[in-house]
Amino acid sequence: MVHPRLGQPGSDEPPALHARAMDNLSFIRQTMERATAFTAVPGWGGVAMGVTAIAAAVLAARQPSQSGWLLVWLGEAVVACLVGGAAMSLKARRTGAPLFSRPARQFFFGFLPPLMVGAVLTIVLARAGLFWLCPGGWLLLYGAGVMTGGAFSVRVVPLMGVLFIGLGVVASLVPDLGNLLLAVGFGGLHIVFGVVIARRYGG
C-alpha cells in the first residue's frame, strides 16, 4: 500500500491560494488609490468646458481688436470656472468624495497657484500690449496646474497636463497659432479627457 506524502505535486490548492492573494492585493491597492486620490474631477463637466472653449475660440477669432479677443477669452475663463465648479460639486455629492478632504485640498493647492500666476501675467501682458504671448502662457500655466494638482487625482489628469504644456510650448514658439491651439487645448483636450474620466471614474 502506497501512502501519499505531504507536499506531493498535483494539488490545486497553492495556485488557488496565490490567485486569491493576488485578488486581495489588487482590491487593497484600488482601495488605497481611491482613498488617496481626489476623484471628484468632473468628466462631463470637462466636456462642457471644452465645448464652450471651442465656441470662444470661434468668437475670439472674429474680433476686430486684440482687446476684444482678450475679453472673449476672459469671459470664457469665467464660464469655465462656473461650469467646472458646479460639475465638481455635483460629482462630489453623488460619489461621496468630499471637497474638503485631504486629497481635495492637495489637488487645489497644486492646481490653483499656477492659475493665479496666469491671472497676474495676463494683466501684465495686456498692459504692455503683448497679447500674442497670452495663449502660450495660459496653456503652459494651466498645464502646470493640471500636472501638479493631478498628482493627487486620477491617473489620466497629469497626462492631460503634459499635453497642455506641449501645446503651450508650440504656442509660444508660433504665436500665430495661438487662438487655434487654445481651441485644441481648452476645447479638444477637455472634451477627450472629459469623456475618458466620465466613463472610467463615474461621471
Protein backbone atom coordinates (compact mmCIF):
# COMPACT_ATOMS: atom_id res chain seq x y z
CA MET A 1 0.00 0.00 0.00
CA VAL A 2 1.37 3.39 -1.04
CA HIS A 3 0.82 6.30 1.33
CA PRO A 4 0.64 9.85 -0.12
CA ARG A 5 3.41 12.13 1.03
CA LEU A 6 2.90 15.72 2.20
CA GLY A 7 3.85 18.33 -0.37
CA GLN A 8 3.39 15.93 -3.26
CA PRO A 9 2.82 17.86 -6.53
CA GLY A 10 -0.54 17.73 -8.22
CA SER A 11 -2.59 19.67 -5.68
CA ASP A 12 -4.57 22.68 -6.94
CA GLU A 13 -4.52 24.46 -3.58
CA PRO A 14 -1.33 26.56 -3.92
CA PRO A 15 -2.38 28.15 -7.27
CA ALA A 16 -5.84 28.85 -5.85
CA LEU A 17 -4.35 30.49 -2.76
CA HIS A 18 -1.99 32.51 -4.95
CA ALA A 19 -4.86 33.73 -7.14
CA ARG A 20 -6.90 34.70 -4.06
CA ALA A 21 -3.93 36.57 -2.61
CA MET A 22 -3.41 38.48 -5.87
CA ASP A 23 -7.10 39.40 -5.98
CA ASN A 24 -6.92 40.65 -2.40
CA LEU A 25 -3.80 42.70 -3.14
CA SER A 26 -5.46 44.21 -6.20
CA PHE A 27 -8.52 45.15 -4.14
CA ILE A 28 -6.36 46.70 -1.42
CA ARG A 29 -4.36 48.67 -3.98
CA GLN A 30 -7.51 50.04 -5.64
CA THR A 31 -8.99 50.96 -2.26
CA MET A 32 -5.83 52.81 -1.25
CA GLU A 33 -5.74 54.66 -4.58
CA ARG A 34 -9.32 55.82 -4.09
CA ALA A 35 -8.59 56.87 -0.53
CA THR A 36 -5.56 58.98 -1.51
CA ALA A 37 -6.81 60.41 -4.82
CA PHE A 38 -9.21 63.26 -5.50
CA THR A 39 -11.83 61.53 -7.66
CA ALA A 40 -14.33 64.41 -7.99
CA VAL A 41 -12.62 65.76 -11.12
CA PRO A 42 -15.64 66.25 -13.42
CA GLY A 43 -15.69 64.30 -16.66
CA TRP A 44 -18.87 65.58 -18.27
CA GLY A 45 -18.13 68.99 -16.78
CA GLY A 46 -14.82 68.91 -18.63
CA VAL A 47 -16.67 68.10 -21.84
CA ALA A 48 -18.94 71.11 -21.30
CA MET A 49 -15.90 73.31 -20.65
CA GLY A 50 -14.38 72.07 -23.88
CA VAL A 51 -17.49 72.92 -25.89
CA THR A 52 -17.61 76.47 -24.50
CA ALA A 53 -13.88 76.90 -25.21
CA ILE A 54 -14.32 75.96 -28.87
CA ALA A 55 -17.19 78.44 -29.14
CA ALA A 56 -14.99 81.09 -27.50
CA ALA A 57 -12.16 80.40 -29.97
CA VAL A 58 -14.51 80.89 -32.92
CA LEU A 59 -15.91 84.10 -31.44
CA ALA A 60 -12.47 85.43 -30.46
CA ALA A 61 -11.13 84.89 -33.98
CA ARG A 62 -13.84 87.23 -35.31
CA GLN A 63 -12.96 90.14 -33.03
CA PRO A 64 -11.63 93.22 -34.81
CA SER A 65 -9.25 94.15 -31.98
CA GLN A 66 -6.84 92.39 -29.65
CA SER A 67 -8.64 93.76 -26.61
CA GLY A 68 -11.89 92.27 -27.91
CA TRP A 69 -10.12 88.94 -28.40
CA LEU A 70 -8.84 89.09 -24.84
CA LEU A 71 -12.27 89.94 -23.41
CA VAL A 72 -13.80 86.91 -25.12
CA TRP A 73 -11.24 84.57 -23.58
CA LEU A 74 -11.55 86.20 -20.15
CA GLY A 75 -15.29 85.67 -20.36
CA GLU A 76 -14.66 82.03 -21.30
CA ALA A 77 -12.42 81.65 -18.25
CA VAL A 78 -15.27 82.82 -16.00
CA VAL A 79 -17.76 80.48 -17.70
CA ALA A 80 -15.34 77.54 -17.47
CA CYS A 81 -14.77 78.16 -13.74
CA LEU A 82 -18.52 78.24 -13.08
CA VAL A 83 -19.18 75.11 -15.15
CA GLY A 84 -16.23 73.21 -13.69
CA GLY A 85 -17.04 74.21 -10.11
CA ALA A 86 -20.70 73.25 -10.42
CA ALA A 87 -19.85 69.92 -12.10
CA MET A 88 -17.22 69.12 -9.47
CA SER A 89 -19.64 69.88 -6.65
CA LEU A 90 -22.36 67.69 -8.16
CA LYS A 91 -19.97 64.80 -8.78
CA ALA A 92 -18.55 65.04 -5.26
CA ARG A 93 -22.06 64.94 -3.81
CA ARG A 94 -23.05 61.98 -5.98
CA THR A 95 -19.92 59.91 -5.38
CA GLY A 96 -19.44 60.84 -1.73
CA ALA A 97 -15.99 62.37 -2.33
CA PRO A 98 -15.91 65.43 -0.01
CA LEU A 99 -14.50 68.64 -1.47
CA PHE A 100 -12.62 69.40 1.74
CA SER A 101 -10.91 66.06 2.20
CA ARG A 102 -7.11 65.85 2.33
CA PRO A 103 -6.80 64.66 -1.32
CA ALA A 104 -9.09 67.52 -2.40
CA ARG A 105 -7.00 70.10 -0.55
CA GLN A 106 -3.82 68.68 -2.07
CA PHE A 107 -5.39 68.87 -5.52
CA PHE A 108 -6.44 72.50 -5.13
CA PHE A 109 -3.14 73.58 -3.54
CA GLY A 110 -1.34 72.16 -6.57
CA PHE A 111 -3.82 73.40 -9.16
CA LEU A 112 -4.63 76.97 -8.11
CA PRO A 113 -1.21 78.70 -7.76
CA PRO A 114 -0.29 78.42 -11.48
CA LEU A 115 -3.75 79.79 -12.36
CA MET A 116 -3.22 82.76 -10.04
CA VAL A 117 0.15 83.40 -11.69
CA GLY A 118 -1.61 83.21 -15.06
CA ALA A 119 -4.10 85.88 -13.99
CA VAL A 120 -1.31 88.24 -12.93
CA LEU A 121 0.66 87.51 -16.09
CA THR A 122 -2.40 88.30 -18.23
CA ILE A 123 -2.71 91.75 -16.63
CA VAL A 124 0.99 92.46 -17.18
CA LEU A 125 0.96 91.32 -20.82
CA ALA A 126 -2.26 93.19 -21.61
CA ARG A 127 -0.90 96.43 -20.17
CA ALA A 128 2.24 96.01 -22.25
CA GLY A 129 0.20 95.23 -25.38
CA LEU A 130 1.79 91.78 -25.69
CA PHE A 131 -1.46 89.93 -26.35
CA TRP A 132 0.27 87.40 -28.60
CA LEU A 133 2.13 85.97 -25.59
CA CYS A 134 -1.08 85.15 -23.70
CA PRO A 135 -2.02 81.83 -25.37
CA GLY A 136 1.36 80.23 -24.71
CA GLY A 137 1.42 81.48 -21.12
CA TRP A 138 -2.13 80.30 -20.44
CA LEU A 139 -1.54 76.83 -21.85
CA LEU A 140 1.79 76.41 -20.04
CA LEU A 141 0.49 77.54 -16.65
CA TYR A 142 -2.78 75.63 -16.93
CA GLY A 143 -0.83 72.52 -17.89
CA ALA A 144 1.46 73.01 -14.90
CA GLY A 145 -1.55 73.35 -12.60
CA VAL A 146 -3.20 70.26 -14.03
CA MET A 147 0.03 68.28 -13.60
CA THR A 148 0.71 69.36 -10.02
CA GLY A 149 -2.90 69.09 -8.90
CA GLY A 150 -3.41 65.94 -10.94
CA ALA A 151 -0.67 64.20 -8.98
CA PHE A 152 -3.34 63.84 -6.27
CA SER A 153 -6.11 62.86 -8.65
CA VAL A 154 -6.87 60.04 -11.09
CA ARG A 155 -4.06 58.89 -13.36
CA VAL A 156 -5.17 60.46 -16.64
CA VAL A 157 -5.22 64.02 -15.26
CA PRO A 158 -1.41 64.56 -15.15
CA LEU A 159 -1.18 63.25 -18.72
CA MET A 160 -3.61 65.95 -19.81
CA GLY A 161 -1.36 68.49 -18.09
CA VAL A 162 1.65 67.27 -20.08
CA LEU A 163 -0.25 67.73 -23.34
CA PHE A 164 -1.31 71.25 -22.32
CA ILE A 165 2.32 72.14 -21.67
CA GLY A 166 3.28 70.76 -25.08
CA LEU A 167 0.67 72.97 -26.73
CA GLY A 168 1.92 75.91 -24.69
CA VAL A 169 5.45 75.41 -25.99
CA VAL A 170 4.20 75.39 -29.59
CA ALA A 171 2.01 78.46 -28.99
CA SER A 172 4.96 80.33 -27.51
CA LEU A 173 7.19 79.49 -30.48
CA VAL A 174 4.50 80.01 -33.15
CA PRO A 175 2.26 82.77 -31.77
CA ASP A 176 0.20 83.00 -34.97
CA LEU A 177 -1.35 79.64 -33.99
CA GLY A 178 -2.25 80.87 -30.52
CA ASN A 179 -6.03 81.04 -30.88
CA LEU A 180 -6.16 77.69 -32.70
CA LEU A 181 -4.05 75.99 -30.04
CA LEU A 182 -6.28 77.44 -27.31
CA ALA A 183 -9.19 75.71 -29.05
CA VAL A 184 -7.23 72.46 -29.30
CA GLY A 185 -6.19 72.60 -25.65
CA PHE A 186 -9.07 74.09 -23.69
CA GLY A 187 -11.54 72.69 -26.19
CA GLY A 188 -10.27 69.40 -27.62
CA LEU A 189 -8.27 68.10 -24.66
CA HIS A 190 -11.05 68.88 -22.20
CA ILE A 191 -13.56 67.02 -24.35
CA VAL A 192 -11.36 63.94 -24.94
CA PHE A 193 -10.15 63.59 -21.36
CA GLY A 194 -13.58 64.54 -20.02
CA VAL A 195 -15.11 61.57 -21.82
CA VAL A 196 -12.36 59.25 -20.51
CA ILE A 197 -12.80 60.46 -16.92
CA ALA A 198 -16.59 60.23 -17.14
CA ARG A 199 -16.51 56.64 -18.38
CA ARG A 200 -13.74 55.36 -16.10
CA TYR A 201 -14.34 57.33 -12.94
CA GLY A 202 -18.07 57.82 -12.68
CA GLY A 203 -19.11 60.96 -14.49
